[in-house]
Protein backbone atom coordinates (compact mmCIF):
# COMPACT_ATOMS: atom_id res chain seq x y z
CA MET A 1 -50.62 -37.11 -170.85
CA ALA A 2 -53.96 -38.53 -170.42
CA PHE A 3 -57.20 -36.16 -170.93
CA MET A 4 -58.61 -35.64 -167.68
CA LYS A 5 -62.74 -36.17 -168.16
CA ASN A 6 -64.81 -34.84 -166.17
CA VAL A 7 -62.52 -33.93 -163.41
CA LYS A 8 -63.83 -32.42 -160.08
CA HIS A 9 -61.93 -29.38 -159.19
CA GLU A 10 -63.03 -28.74 -155.93
CA TYR A 11 -60.00 -30.85 -154.64
CA LEU A 12 -58.09 -27.58 -154.64
CA GLU A 13 -60.38 -26.08 -152.61
CA GLY A 14 -58.56 -24.80 -149.35
CA LYS A 15 -55.08 -25.98 -150.59
CA THR A 16 -52.28 -24.26 -150.32
CA ILE A 17 -49.56 -24.09 -153.06
CA LEU A 18 -45.80 -23.02 -152.85
CA LEU A 19 -45.02 -22.10 -156.18
CA ILE A 20 -41.30 -21.79 -157.05
CA SER A 21 -40.79 -20.10 -160.73
CA LEU A 22 -39.81 -17.20 -163.09
CA PRO A 23 -41.99 -13.98 -162.61
CA ASN A 24 -44.03 -12.97 -165.70
CA TYR A 25 -44.91 -16.80 -166.79
CA SER A 26 -46.20 -17.27 -162.89
CA ASN A 27 -48.56 -14.87 -163.22
CA GLY A 28 -50.77 -16.82 -165.36
CA ILE A 29 -50.37 -20.03 -163.32
CA ILE A 30 -51.28 -17.92 -159.77
CA LYS A 31 -54.53 -16.91 -161.30
CA GLU A 32 -55.89 -19.74 -162.63
CA MET A 33 -54.72 -21.91 -159.44
CA LYS A 34 -56.63 -19.13 -157.48
CA LYS A 35 -59.59 -19.44 -159.83
CA LEU A 36 -59.70 -23.40 -158.96
CA GLY A 37 -59.90 -22.78 -155.13
CA ALA A 38 -56.17 -22.49 -153.99
CA GLU A 39 -54.10 -20.16 -152.02
CA VAL A 40 -51.11 -19.47 -153.54
CA ILE A 41 -47.79 -18.67 -151.93
CA TYR A 42 -45.17 -17.09 -154.80
CA ILE A 43 -41.10 -17.13 -154.26
CA HIS A 44 -38.95 -16.11 -157.57
CA ASP A 45 -36.92 -18.93 -158.38
CA LYS A 46 -33.60 -16.44 -157.64
CA PRO A 47 -32.88 -13.15 -155.93
CA ASN A 48 -33.79 -11.21 -158.74
CA GLU A 49 -33.74 -10.78 -162.91
CA LYS A 50 -30.37 -9.25 -163.52
CA PHE A 51 -27.81 -10.09 -165.81
CA LEU A 52 -25.13 -11.76 -163.55
CA CYS A 53 -27.64 -13.32 -161.22
CA LYS A 54 -29.14 -15.34 -164.19
CA THR A 55 -25.54 -15.78 -165.43
CA PHE A 56 -24.16 -17.03 -161.97
CA GLY A 57 -26.95 -19.32 -161.19
CA ARG A 58 -26.98 -21.14 -164.34
CA MET A 59 -23.20 -22.05 -164.22
CA GLN A 60 -24.12 -23.04 -160.71
CA PHE A 61 -20.83 -21.27 -159.68
CA GLU A 62 -20.37 -22.98 -156.08
CA PHE A 63 -20.05 -19.50 -154.05
CA TYR A 64 -23.43 -18.66 -155.81
CA GLN A 65 -24.95 -21.53 -155.09
CA ARG A 66 -24.11 -20.24 -150.98
CA VAL A 67 -26.18 -17.63 -152.06
CA LEU A 68 -29.31 -18.86 -153.71
CA GLU A 69 -29.44 -21.28 -150.19
CA ARG A 70 -29.65 -18.31 -148.08
CA TYR A 71 -32.27 -16.31 -150.32
CA TYR A 72 -34.80 -19.26 -150.53
CA LYS A 73 -34.13 -20.23 -146.33
CA LYS A 74 -34.93 -17.15 -145.63
CA ARG A 75 -38.31 -16.80 -147.74
CA ILE A 76 -39.19 -20.46 -146.73
CA GLN A 77 -39.05 -19.29 -143.47
CA GLU A 78 -41.44 -16.76 -143.84
CA TYR A 79 -44.07 -19.71 -144.53
CA CYS A 80 -42.89 -22.16 -141.81
CA ASP A 81 -45.70 -22.08 -139.54
CA LYS A 82 -48.30 -22.16 -142.67
CA LYS A 83 -49.69 -25.74 -143.52
CA ILE A 84 -48.44 -26.33 -147.49
CA ASP A 85 -50.10 -29.05 -149.14
CA TYR A 86 -48.23 -28.38 -152.77
CA VAL A 87 -44.73 -27.30 -153.62
CA LEU A 88 -44.53 -26.51 -157.09
CA VAL A 89 -40.91 -25.96 -158.81
CA ILE A 90 -40.82 -25.13 -162.21
CA ARG A 91 -37.57 -25.31 -164.18
CA GLY A 92 -35.67 -26.33 -160.97
CA GLU A 93 -32.32 -24.70 -162.53
CA TYR A 94 -31.71 -22.52 -159.62
CA THR A 95 -33.46 -24.36 -156.71
CA PRO A 96 -30.24 -25.95 -155.06
CA LYS A 97 -30.29 -29.55 -154.07
CA LYS A 98 -29.90 -28.18 -150.02
CA THR A 99 -33.01 -26.23 -150.59
CA VAL A 100 -35.04 -28.99 -151.69
CA GLN A 101 -33.67 -31.08 -148.67
CA TYR A 102 -34.86 -27.96 -146.49
CA LEU A 103 -38.22 -27.50 -148.21
CA ARG A 104 -38.67 -31.34 -147.12
CA LYS A 105 -37.43 -30.89 -143.81
CA MET A 106 -39.62 -27.93 -143.22
CA PHE A 107 -42.72 -29.37 -144.84
CA PRO A 108 -42.54 -33.19 -144.52
CA GLU A 109 -45.99 -33.76 -145.34
CA THR A 110 -46.36 -31.53 -148.62
CA LYS A 111 -46.12 -32.83 -152.08
CA LEU A 112 -43.16 -31.65 -153.90
CA ILE A 113 -43.26 -31.59 -157.44
CA LEU A 114 -40.46 -30.39 -160.30
CA TYR A 115 -41.96 -29.32 -163.62
CA MET A 116 -38.86 -29.12 -166.05
CA TRP A 117 -39.34 -26.93 -169.13
CA ASP A 118 -35.89 -26.95 -170.71
CA GLY A 119 -34.69 -30.35 -172.22
CA LEU A 120 -32.02 -32.55 -170.15
CA ASN A 121 -29.35 -31.75 -173.21
CA LYS A 122 -29.12 -27.63 -172.16
CA ARG A 123 -26.16 -26.69 -169.98
CA ASN A 124 -28.78 -24.98 -167.57
CA THR A 125 -30.26 -28.16 -166.54
CA PHE A 126 -26.76 -30.25 -166.04
CA GLY A 127 -27.01 -32.65 -162.99
CA ILE A 128 -30.81 -31.85 -162.30
CA GLU A 129 -31.50 -35.59 -162.43
CA LYS A 130 -29.61 -35.37 -158.92
CA LYS A 131 -32.24 -33.87 -157.80
CA TRP A 132 -34.97 -36.07 -159.24
CA ASN A 133 -34.92 -38.33 -156.12
CA LEU A 134 -35.50 -35.67 -153.67
CA TYR A 135 -39.25 -34.69 -155.02
CA ASP A 136 -42.28 -36.73 -155.07
CA LYS A 137 -43.23 -36.37 -158.77
CA VAL A 138 -41.06 -35.07 -161.50
CA TYR A 139 -42.37 -34.18 -164.83
CA THR A 140 -40.54 -33.16 -167.84
CA PHE A 141 -41.75 -31.17 -171.30
CA ASP A 142 -40.00 -33.17 -173.53
CA ARG A 143 -41.26 -36.31 -174.91
CA ILE A 144 -37.82 -37.45 -175.87
CA ASP A 145 -36.15 -36.89 -172.28
CA TYR A 146 -39.44 -38.85 -170.81
CA GLU A 147 -38.96 -41.61 -173.28
CA ALA A 148 -35.42 -42.07 -172.07
CA ASN A 149 -36.24 -41.80 -168.46
CA LYS A 150 -39.88 -43.50 -168.08
CA ASP A 151 -38.89 -44.79 -164.80
CA LYS A 152 -38.17 -41.78 -163.24
CA ILE A 153 -39.87 -38.91 -164.64
CA ASN A 154 -43.31 -38.11 -166.28
CA PHE A 155 -44.54 -36.43 -169.47
CA LEU A 156 -46.53 -33.35 -169.69
CA PRO A 157 -46.19 -31.08 -172.28
CA LEU A 158 -46.58 -27.02 -171.86
CA TYR A 159 -50.10 -24.88 -171.62
CA TYR A 160 -51.44 -22.09 -173.19
CA TYR A 161 -53.19 -19.34 -171.26
CA ASP A 162 -56.61 -18.93 -171.63
CA GLU A 163 -56.77 -15.20 -169.37
CA TYR A 164 -54.88 -13.63 -172.48
CA LEU A 165 -56.64 -15.03 -175.16
CA PRO A 166 -58.07 -12.22 -176.80
CA GLN A 167 -61.94 -11.48 -177.17
CA ASN A 168 -63.81 -12.05 -180.46
CA ILE A 169 -61.30 -13.70 -182.05
CA LYS A 170 -61.09 -13.68 -185.83
CA SER A 171 -60.93 -17.07 -187.86
CA ALA A 172 -57.63 -18.21 -189.19
CA ASN A 173 -59.44 -18.21 -192.41
CA ASP A 174 -60.81 -14.18 -191.83
CA GLU A 175 -58.73 -12.50 -195.41
CA ASN A 176 -58.92 -9.49 -193.04
CA LEU A 177 -56.00 -10.13 -190.61
CA LYS A 178 -53.11 -7.91 -190.18
CA TYR A 179 -50.47 -10.71 -190.72
CA ASP A 180 -50.06 -13.73 -192.63
CA ILE A 181 -46.68 -14.80 -190.88
CA SER A 182 -45.52 -13.58 -187.11
CA PHE A 183 -42.79 -14.16 -184.84
CA ILE A 184 -41.99 -13.21 -181.58
CA GLY A 185 -39.43 -14.72 -179.04
CA THR A 186 -35.93 -14.62 -177.94
CA GLY A 187 -33.10 -14.22 -180.74
CA HIS A 188 -30.58 -17.08 -179.89
CA ASP A 189 -28.80 -19.39 -181.72
CA ASP A 190 -29.73 -20.08 -185.35
CA ARG A 191 -33.42 -19.03 -184.26
CA ILE A 192 -32.89 -14.93 -186.04
CA LYS A 193 -31.63 -16.65 -188.96
CA ILE A 194 -34.00 -18.93 -189.79
CA VAL A 195 -36.52 -16.44 -189.15
CA LYS A 196 -36.03 -13.94 -191.21
CA ASN A 197 -34.93 -16.62 -194.09
CA ILE A 198 -38.70 -17.50 -193.37
CA MET A 199 -39.87 -13.82 -193.54
CA ASN A 200 -38.10 -12.87 -196.88
CA GLN A 201 -39.53 -15.95 -198.59
CA GLY A 202 -43.20 -14.71 -197.02
CA LYS A 203 -42.30 -11.27 -198.40
CA GLN A 204 -41.33 -12.77 -202.02
CA LEU A 205 -44.63 -14.48 -201.89
CA GLY A 206 -46.71 -11.17 -201.43
CA LEU A 207 -46.98 -12.04 -197.59
CA LYS A 208 -47.66 -9.67 -194.65
CA CYS A 209 -44.94 -10.78 -192.26
CA PHE A 210 -43.48 -9.58 -188.70
CA TYR A 211 -40.98 -10.29 -186.29
CA TYR A 212 -39.83 -9.56 -182.81
CA PHE A 213 -36.62 -10.77 -181.43
CA TYR A 214 -35.66 -10.27 -177.71
CA ILE A 215 -32.47 -10.46 -176.35
CA PRO A 216 -32.00 -9.55 -172.64
CA HIS A 217 -28.97 -7.45 -172.59
CA LYS A 218 -26.43 -5.63 -175.33
CA PHE A 219 -23.92 -7.83 -173.96
CA VAL A 220 -25.26 -10.92 -175.01
CA TYR A 221 -26.08 -9.47 -178.37
CA LEU A 222 -22.25 -8.34 -178.53
CA ILE A 223 -21.23 -11.68 -177.57
CA ASN A 224 -23.43 -13.48 -180.26
CA LYS A 225 -21.99 -10.95 -182.86
CA PHE A 226 -18.48 -11.72 -182.48
CA PHE A 227 -18.86 -15.16 -181.59
CA ASN A 228 -21.93 -16.87 -183.40
CA ASN A 229 -21.56 -17.15 -187.34
CA ASN A 230 -25.54 -17.40 -187.15
CA PHE A 231 -25.41 -13.69 -186.31
CA LYS A 232 -24.01 -12.68 -189.86
CA GLY A 233 -26.33 -9.90 -190.95
CA VAL A 234 -27.78 -9.62 -187.42
CA LYS A 235 -28.31 -5.97 -187.23
CA GLU A 236 -29.07 -4.20 -183.33
CA SER A 237 -32.22 -2.89 -185.21
CA ASP A 238 -33.29 -6.44 -185.63
CA ILE A 239 -33.21 -6.52 -182.12
CA ASN A 240 -35.47 -5.83 -178.92
CA TYR A 241 -34.21 -5.35 -175.32
CA ASN A 242 -37.78 -5.62 -173.40
CA THR A 243 -40.13 -8.33 -173.85
CA LEU A 244 -43.68 -8.01 -175.44
CA PRO A 245 -46.52 -8.02 -172.66
CA PHE A 246 -48.57 -11.72 -172.72
CA GLU A 247 -51.44 -9.70 -174.09
CA ASN A 248 -49.64 -7.77 -176.73
CA LEU A 249 -48.14 -11.40 -178.05
CA TYR A 250 -51.41 -12.55 -178.04
CA GLU A 251 -52.89 -9.96 -179.71
CA VAL A 252 -50.16 -10.34 -182.61
CA TYR A 253 -50.56 -14.23 -182.83
CA ALA A 254 -54.49 -13.56 -183.15
CA ASN A 255 -54.29 -11.16 -185.80
CA SER A 256 -52.02 -13.74 -188.02
CA LYS A 257 -52.73 -16.48 -190.03
CA CYS A 258 -49.70 -18.20 -189.64
CA VAL A 259 -46.64 -18.22 -186.63
CA VAL A 260 -43.18 -19.47 -186.99
CA ASP A 261 -41.69 -21.89 -184.17
CA VAL A 262 -37.82 -22.87 -184.08
CA GLU A 263 -37.45 -24.73 -181.14
CA ASN A 264 -33.65 -24.15 -179.08
CA LYS A 265 -31.17 -26.01 -180.90
CA GLY A 266 -31.20 -29.89 -179.76
CA GLN A 267 -34.25 -29.57 -177.66
CA HIS A 268 -37.51 -31.81 -178.73
CA GLY A 269 -40.06 -30.64 -176.56
CA LEU A 270 -42.81 -28.44 -178.05
CA THR A 271 -42.40 -24.92 -177.18
CA MET A 272 -44.55 -22.50 -175.36
CA ARG A 273 -45.41 -21.02 -178.76
CA THR A 274 -46.64 -24.01 -180.24
CA ILE A 275 -49.05 -24.69 -177.44
CA GLU A 276 -50.10 -20.95 -177.59
CA ILE A 277 -50.89 -21.05 -181.37
CA LEU A 278 -52.81 -24.24 -180.87
CA GLY A 279 -54.92 -22.56 -178.35
CA LEU A 280 -55.18 -19.70 -180.81
CA HIS A 281 -56.49 -21.65 -183.52
CA ARG A 282 -53.68 -20.57 -185.78
CA LYS A 283 -51.59 -22.67 -188.25
CA LEU A 284 -47.83 -23.07 -187.34
CA ILE A 285 -44.70 -23.54 -189.19
CA THR A 286 -42.07 -25.13 -187.46
CA THR A 287 -38.72 -26.94 -187.33
CA ASN A 288 -39.25 -29.11 -184.65
CA GLN A 289 -39.61 -32.86 -186.38
CA ASP A 290 -40.91 -34.46 -183.20
CA ILE A 291 -44.12 -32.39 -183.94
CA VAL A 292 -45.26 -35.23 -185.88
CA ASN A 293 -46.01 -37.76 -182.35
CA TYR A 294 -48.49 -34.97 -180.76
CA ASP A 295 -52.41 -35.59 -181.21
CA PHE A 296 -53.11 -32.05 -182.72
CA TYR A 297 -50.67 -32.74 -185.64
CA ASP A 298 -52.51 -31.86 -188.81
CA THR A 299 -51.14 -31.19 -192.19
CA ASN A 300 -53.38 -28.69 -192.69
CA ASN A 301 -52.61 -26.89 -189.94
CA ILE A 302 -48.63 -27.31 -189.08
CA LEU A 303 -45.88 -27.38 -192.20
CA ILE A 304 -42.55 -28.64 -190.87
CA VAL A 305 -39.43 -27.16 -192.34
CA ASP A 306 -35.93 -27.91 -192.28
CA ARG A 307 -33.57 -26.17 -189.90
CA LYS A 308 -31.03 -25.99 -192.17
CA ASN A 309 -32.73 -25.41 -195.19
CA PRO A 310 -36.21 -23.87 -194.38
CA ILE A 311 -38.51 -24.01 -197.41
CA ILE A 312 -42.09 -22.72 -196.93
CA ASP A 313 -44.57 -23.99 -199.03
CA GLY A 314 -46.92 -21.38 -200.46
CA GLU A 315 -50.15 -23.54 -200.76
CA PHE A 316 -49.95 -24.37 -197.44
CA LEU A 317 -51.03 -20.80 -196.18
CA LYS A 318 -53.84 -21.27 -198.83
CA ILE A 319 -55.32 -24.48 -197.38
CA PRO A 320 -58.12 -23.37 -194.73
CA TYR A 321 -57.46 -23.91 -190.76
CA LYS A 322 -58.49 -27.23 -189.80
CA GLU A 323 -60.46 -26.91 -186.63
CA LEU A 324 -59.76 -29.91 -184.17
CA SER A 325 -62.13 -31.53 -181.23
CA ASP A 326 -62.85 -29.59 -178.28
CA GLU A 327 -61.06 -32.25 -176.00
CA ILE A 328 -57.71 -31.38 -177.85
CA TYR A 329 -58.08 -27.51 -177.24
CA ILE A 330 -59.13 -28.38 -173.46
CA LYS A 331 -56.60 -30.84 -172.41
CA TYR A 332 -53.57 -28.30 -173.55
CA SER A 333 -54.98 -25.44 -171.36
CA ILE A 334 -53.41 -23.84 -168.45
CA LYS A 335 -56.33 -25.55 -166.03
CA ASN A 336 -55.89 -28.79 -167.12
CA TRP A 337 -51.85 -28.76 -166.92
CA ILE A 338 -52.19 -27.40 -163.08
CA LEU A 339 -54.82 -29.88 -162.99
CA GLU A 340 -52.41 -32.98 -164.40
CA VAL A 341 -48.98 -31.35 -162.47
CA LEU A 342 -50.72 -31.77 -158.67
CA SER A 343 -51.97 -34.77 -159.64
């Protein structure tokens, strides 16, 4: 990803962007787009956030694809008389092929862009390659997927939200931070097992630890409890069925010396958490081996552990956080991400 120096933001002034994305994460994107002068129209990437809607959409059942097509057509027709400069689809897993074709028909002069923040190995991205030729530009957050498809897609890592960064944030080297190690994230695959292992090691070292595991529904917890060996020893009291608002999440991270990151199994792209920690100038313990290929990787700030046997080094937490160049922090901001993805 090329760093954009002296970018003129005025090109978004007066432009209209149709954003198709999931809620919550889209709020920060919309705010920043508006700050850059754009008018933003938002369409939820699926009819609702209920469990069945997510499941049927991800499984790509044919009958539900028709439901999605009708949903999108109705929403898109609300703006048929409007001049749209960009359509930005984030993820694209719930956006049927016929919907993308319909967007092209309704807005023939519009630049259609797809940004994928899931790896091609995941079940919910199955077949998404068949939609690539419908877009003017396709981006992925996964460096390995990009390397395998350089002639078809572009590489653009995720970002952090400047908007939610706490004010008057303390240094990562401040001795009065509330936590030494923290983790907030969805509890799936082997993530809970790995994080709890790391936290137990931290407690044995006398460190202050905090974790918050989110699962969208009790049914998901029970399925994992019965069919996922990695959930042995995971109690329902370990789980939360509500996400933490971004403000609370960033507050915890800002009060932590170091944050743990465990990417999805088989995924190589850096998680949102990784970039958020970069934006907060915090240390990171991660299982993602590919992080060594990024320009912000520094052994003073980042400890890579083995997913199957995650051993933390107590000395790592004693080494002061090393500040990086301003260009690096700017490069991974939400503002720079928007300017890149729409370029």
